[in-house]
Amino acid sequence: MNPNNDKEKEEEKYSIMDVKAKANDETIINIEIQLKNEHNMRYRTVYYLSKMIAKRLKEGDQYQSIYKTVAINILNFDLLGSGTRFHNRYRFTEIETKRELTDIAEIQFMELPALRRYIRENKASIQEAIGKNRLLEWLVFIDNPESELAKMAETENEVIGRARDMLNTLSKDEKLQEEYMAREKAIMDKYSALSVAEERGEKRGIKKGREEGERNKAIEASKKMIQDGLSLELISKYEGLTIQELEELKKEIENDE
């Protein structure tokens, strides 16, 4: 389906999904693949899911006509801190009883770092799972199509075999290669800019903190000098505060007394 969530109003946020598909049972599925943590994934997926649900309901439709909508997020970073639990699903449930209100909206997170930890910790049984766990088969293929586990999954799942054939075909297309390289460069440039911005922000924060610390020390030292009767001009010379600032400090001291 068209992956664009077009804006209905000028003030709305425009969004583009990686893959938007409709299953045979009319379920709408949004699949997002994220390489780097931009620290907005929780809110972003809720926004996308809400937009998809809202756009399916046309004027005059009954609320009951809304079909199930699922957001699937395949992440190359840890979001939920679930250890080796690489697949998590969320729906509307009552907090205490865990009773489900509806399955009309569902969010799934599939975290590749957790998958890798799971594989490392379950080496003995992981090969037995291939052929029985379709999700695991697809995730090992997505994570690394050239891995031994991915090749095993390919022999057990003919659809993954077709996906590999398609991947090989696309990798030989020069135009698609150019588009891929351009997209990779755009992603690298984006994340490089983010890293530089974060680094500059950290440096500014450190510098600002240091300056504030030094200023606070100067203020405390100046207060003691004022109480000892030193002239404001002399204090200003050694502590760097202006005469006006020192006069205000002197008033504060006098008011406290």
Protein backbone atom coordinates (compact mmCIF):
# COMPACT_ATOMS: atom_id res chain seq x y z
CA MET A 1 0.00 0.00 0.00
CA ASN A 2 1.00 3.65 -0.28
CA PRO A 3 3.37 4.17 2.70
CA ASN A 4 2.60 7.90 2.94
CA ASN A 5 0.40 9.13 5.77
CA ASP A 6 -0.79 12.23 3.97
CA LYS A 7 -1.64 15.30 5.99
CA GLU A 8 -5.34 16.13 6.19
CA LYS A 9 -4.64 19.47 7.85
CA GLU A 10 -1.74 21.87 7.39
CA GLU A 11 -0.69 21.63 11.04
CA GLU A 12 -0.55 17.81 11.02
CA LYS A 13 2.77 15.95 10.92
CA TYR A 14 3.64 14.27 7.61
CA SER A 15 5.00 10.73 7.93
CA ILE A 16 6.34 8.00 5.66
CA MET A 17 6.41 4.36 6.75
CA ASP A 18 8.94 1.78 5.54
CA VAL A 19 6.32 -0.82 4.56
CA LYS A 20 2.54 -0.55 4.71
CA ALA A 21 0.60 -3.66 3.76
CA LYS A 22 -2.89 -5.16 3.95
CA ALA A 23 -3.35 -8.83 4.84
CA ASN A 24 -6.08 -11.08 3.46
CA ASP A 25 -8.19 -10.54 6.59
CA GLU A 26 -8.04 -6.73 6.03
CA THR A 27 -5.50 -6.23 8.81
CA ILE A 28 -3.29 -3.23 8.06
CA ILE A 29 0.37 -3.71 8.93
CA ASN A 30 3.06 -1.05 9.23
CA ILE A 31 6.63 -2.38 9.31
CA GLU A 32 9.41 -0.03 10.40
CA ILE A 33 13.11 -0.90 10.37
CA GLN A 34 15.30 1.35 12.51
CA LEU A 35 19.11 1.11 12.57
CA LYS A 36 19.89 3.74 15.19
CA ASN A 37 18.08 4.83 18.32
CA GLU A 38 16.72 8.34 17.81
CA HIS A 39 15.03 8.20 21.24
CA ASN A 40 11.52 8.68 19.86
CA MET A 41 10.49 5.15 18.85
CA ARG A 42 7.82 4.63 21.53
CA TYR A 43 6.01 7.85 20.69
CA ARG A 44 6.60 7.58 16.96
CA THR A 45 5.03 4.12 16.68
CA VAL A 46 1.98 5.20 18.70
CA TYR A 47 1.56 8.20 16.38
CA TYR A 48 1.85 6.11 13.20
CA LEU A 49 -0.56 3.49 14.53
CA SER A 50 -3.09 6.14 15.52
CA LYS A 51 -2.87 7.79 12.10
CA MET A 52 -3.46 4.48 10.31
CA ILE A 53 -6.51 3.66 12.44
CA ALA A 54 -8.00 7.13 12.02
CA LYS A 55 -7.53 7.15 8.23
CA ARG A 56 -9.42 3.86 7.82
CA LEU A 57 -12.63 5.27 9.27
CA LYS A 58 -14.47 7.30 6.68
CA GLU A 59 -17.37 9.68 7.26
CA GLY A 60 -20.55 7.69 7.86
CA ASP A 61 -18.68 4.49 8.83
CA GLN A 62 -19.50 2.75 12.08
CA TYR A 63 -16.76 2.40 14.66
CA GLN A 64 -17.17 -1.38 14.48
CA SER A 65 -15.97 -1.26 10.87
CA ILE A 66 -12.39 -0.52 11.94
CA TYR A 67 -10.16 -3.48 11.11
CA LYS A 68 -7.19 -4.57 13.14
CA THR A 69 -4.05 -2.46 12.71
CA VAL A 70 -0.57 -3.68 13.66
CA ALA A 71 2.70 -1.76 13.95
CA ILE A 72 5.83 -3.93 13.68
CA ASN A 73 9.16 -2.35 14.58
CA ILE A 74 12.39 -4.19 13.76
CA LEU A 75 15.13 -2.44 15.72
CA ASN A 76 18.90 -2.70 15.56
CA PHE A 77 19.19 -1.34 19.12
CA ASP A 78 17.89 -2.10 22.59
CA LEU A 79 14.69 -0.21 23.36
CA LEU A 80 12.92 -2.18 26.07
CA GLY A 81 15.87 -3.65 27.96
CA SER A 82 14.38 -7.14 27.79
CA GLY A 83 17.61 -9.15 27.95
CA THR A 84 17.19 -12.04 25.50
CA ARG A 85 13.46 -11.48 24.93
CA PHE A 86 13.62 -10.27 21.33
CA HIS A 87 9.87 -10.12 20.57
CA ASN A 88 7.37 -8.06 22.60
CA ARG A 89 3.70 -7.37 21.79
CA TYR A 90 1.44 -4.66 23.24
CA ARG A 91 -2.34 -4.21 23.17
CA PHE A 92 -4.98 -2.39 25.20
CA THR A 93 -5.25 -4.27 28.50
CA GLU A 94 -6.51 -3.51 32.00
CA ILE A 95 -3.47 -2.85 34.15
CA GLU A 96 -4.35 -5.03 37.15
CA THR A 97 -6.42 -7.86 35.70
CA LYS A 98 -4.55 -7.94 32.36
CA ARG A 99 -7.95 -8.38 30.69
CA GLU A 100 -7.83 -7.26 27.08
CA LEU A 101 -10.11 -4.43 26.00
CA THR A 102 -9.65 -5.04 22.25
CA ASP A 103 -7.07 -6.44 19.83
CA ILE A 104 -7.90 -3.77 17.25
CA ALA A 105 -4.55 -2.03 17.84
CA GLU A 106 -1.28 -3.84 18.37
CA ILE A 107 2.37 -2.77 18.56
CA GLN A 108 5.23 -5.23 18.22
CA PHE A 109 8.92 -4.66 18.86
CA MET A 110 11.57 -7.04 17.50
CA GLU A 111 15.03 -6.16 18.80
CA LEU A 112 17.97 -7.64 16.90
CA PRO A 113 20.56 -7.15 19.70
CA ALA A 114 18.31 -9.20 22.01
CA LEU A 115 18.01 -11.83 19.28
CA ARG A 116 21.81 -12.09 19.08
CA ARG A 117 22.05 -12.51 22.86
CA TYR A 118 19.34 -15.16 22.71
CA ILE A 119 21.26 -17.06 20.02
CA ARG A 120 24.52 -16.89 22.01
CA GLU A 121 22.86 -18.19 25.17
CA ASN A 122 20.89 -20.95 23.43
CA LYS A 123 23.44 -22.39 21.02
CA ALA A 124 22.48 -25.97 21.84
CA SER A 125 18.78 -25.59 21.11
CA ILE A 126 18.70 -22.74 18.60
CA GLN A 127 19.19 -25.00 15.56
CA GLU A 128 16.27 -27.16 16.67
CA ALA A 129 14.06 -24.06 16.72
CA ILE A 130 14.74 -23.43 13.03
CA GLY A 131 11.89 -25.11 11.19
CA LYS A 132 9.49 -24.65 14.10
CA ASN A 133 9.63 -20.92 14.82
CA ARG A 134 8.79 -18.87 11.71
CA LEU A 135 9.46 -15.53 13.37
CA LEU A 136 12.91 -16.66 14.48
CA GLU A 137 13.66 -17.86 10.95
CA TRP A 138 12.76 -14.49 9.44
CA LEU A 139 14.65 -12.48 12.04
CA VAL A 140 17.91 -14.41 11.64
CA PHE A 141 17.56 -13.88 7.88
CA ILE A 142 16.89 -10.15 8.28
CA ASP A 143 19.74 -9.77 10.77
CA ASN A 144 22.33 -11.54 8.61
CA PRO A 145 21.26 -13.29 5.37
CA GLU A 146 24.72 -14.89 5.06
CA SER A 147 24.77 -16.54 8.50
CA GLU A 148 24.58 -20.31 8.92
CA LEU A 149 21.28 -19.96 10.78
CA ALA A 150 19.84 -17.91 7.90
CA LYS A 151 20.88 -20.60 5.43
CA MET A 152 19.25 -23.23 7.63
CA ALA A 153 16.09 -21.12 7.76
CA GLU A 154 16.14 -20.91 3.98
CA THR A 155 16.10 -24.71 3.66
CA GLU A 156 13.17 -24.96 6.10
CA ASN A 157 11.14 -22.05 4.74
CA GLU A 158 10.70 -21.78 0.98
CA VAL A 159 9.42 -18.21 1.29
CA ILE A 160 12.76 -17.16 2.80
CA GLY A 161 14.39 -18.95 -0.14
CA ARG A 162 12.38 -16.76 -2.53
CA ALA A 163 13.32 -13.71 -0.48
CA ARG A 164 17.00 -14.60 -0.87
CA ASP A 165 16.55 -15.02 -4.63
CA MET A 166 14.91 -11.59 -4.77
CA LEU A 167 17.71 -10.13 -2.65
CA ASN A 168 20.32 -11.57 -5.03
CA THR A 169 18.43 -10.21 -8.04
CA LEU A 170 18.13 -6.73 -6.54
CA SER A 171 21.80 -6.69 -5.56
CA LYS A 172 22.73 -7.05 -9.26
CA ASP A 173 20.58 -4.11 -10.36
CA GLU A 174 22.94 -1.14 -10.88
CA LYS A 175 20.17 1.44 -10.54
CA LEU A 176 18.98 -0.08 -7.27
CA GLN A 177 22.57 -0.26 -6.06
CA GLU A 178 22.96 3.47 -6.73
CA GLU A 179 19.71 4.18 -4.87
CA TYR A 180 20.85 1.96 -2.01
CA MET A 181 24.22 3.72 -1.79
CA ALA A 182 22.52 7.11 -1.89
CA ARG A 183 20.17 6.05 0.91
CA GLU A 184 23.09 4.65 2.94
CA LYS A 185 24.98 7.94 2.50
CA ALA A 186 21.92 9.92 3.55
CA ILE A 187 21.52 7.75 6.66
CA MET A 188 25.22 8.03 7.52
CA ASP A 189 25.16 11.81 7.00
CA LYS A 190 22.08 12.09 9.20
CA TYR A 191 23.52 10.04 12.05
CA SER A 192 26.88 11.76 11.74
CA ALA A 193 25.14 15.13 12.07
CA LEU A 194 23.21 13.84 15.08
CA SER A 195 26.40 12.59 16.72
CA VAL A 196 28.16 15.90 16.13
CA ALA A 197 25.16 17.78 17.53
CA GLU A 198 25.07 15.52 20.59
CA GLU A 199 28.82 15.94 21.13
CA ARG A 200 28.57 19.71 20.81
CA GLY A 201 25.61 19.71 23.18
CA GLU A 202 27.57 17.68 25.73
CA LYS A 203 30.58 19.98 25.42
CA ARG A 204 28.39 23.05 25.78
CA GLY A 205 26.73 21.46 28.80
CA ILE A 206 30.11 20.68 30.40
CA LYS A 207 31.41 24.16 29.66
CA LYS A 208 28.25 25.79 30.98
CA GLY A 209 28.36 23.65 34.11
CA ARG A 210 31.99 24.53 34.70
CA GLU A 211 31.30 28.24 34.21
CA GLU A 212 28.34 28.11 36.59
CA GLY A 213 30.44 26.28 39.16
CA GLU A 214 33.22 28.86 38.93
CA ARG A 215 30.72 31.70 39.20
CA ASN A 216 29.10 30.19 42.29
CA LYS A 217 32.54 29.89 43.91
CA ALA A 218 33.27 33.53 43.06
CA ILE A 219 29.94 34.61 44.59
CA GLU A 220 30.57 32.70 47.83
CA ALA A 221 34.12 34.07 48.09
CA SER A 222 32.88 37.60 47.38
CA LYS A 223 30.28 37.35 50.16
CA LYS A 224 32.97 36.47 52.70
CA MET A 225 35.18 39.33 51.49
CA ILE A 226 32.27 41.78 51.79
CA GLN A 227 31.61 40.58 55.34
CA ASP A 228 35.32 41.04 56.12
CA GLY A 229 35.08 44.68 54.98
CA LEU A 230 37.13 44.55 51.77
CA SER A 231 36.38 47.19 49.14
CA LEU A 232 34.10 46.24 46.24
CA GLU A 233 36.75 47.39 43.77
CA LEU A 234 39.31 44.99 45.23
CA ILE A 235 36.83 42.10 45.32
CA SER A 236 35.87 42.79 41.70
CA LYS A 237 39.53 42.68 40.70
CA TYR A 238 40.15 39.25 42.20
CA GLU A 239 36.79 37.50 41.74
CA GLY A 240 35.68 38.93 38.38
CA LEU A 241 32.21 40.08 39.43
CA THR A 242 31.03 43.53 38.41
CA ILE A 243 30.63 46.35 40.95
CA GLN A 244 26.85 46.26 40.35
CA GLU A 245 26.73 42.52 41.13
CA LEU A 246 28.79 43.06 44.27
CA GLU A 247 26.48 45.89 45.39
CA GLU A 248 23.50 43.55 45.03
CA LEU A 249 25.32 40.89 47.05
CA LYS A 250 26.08 43.48 49.71
CA LYS A 251 22.37 44.42 49.94
CA GLU A 252 21.44 40.74 50.27
CA ILE A 253 23.91 40.34 53.14
CA GLU A 254 22.61 43.46 54.88
CA ASN A 255 19.00 42.32 54.49
CA ASP A 256 19.82 38.91 55.93
CA GLU A 257 21.44 40.53 58.94
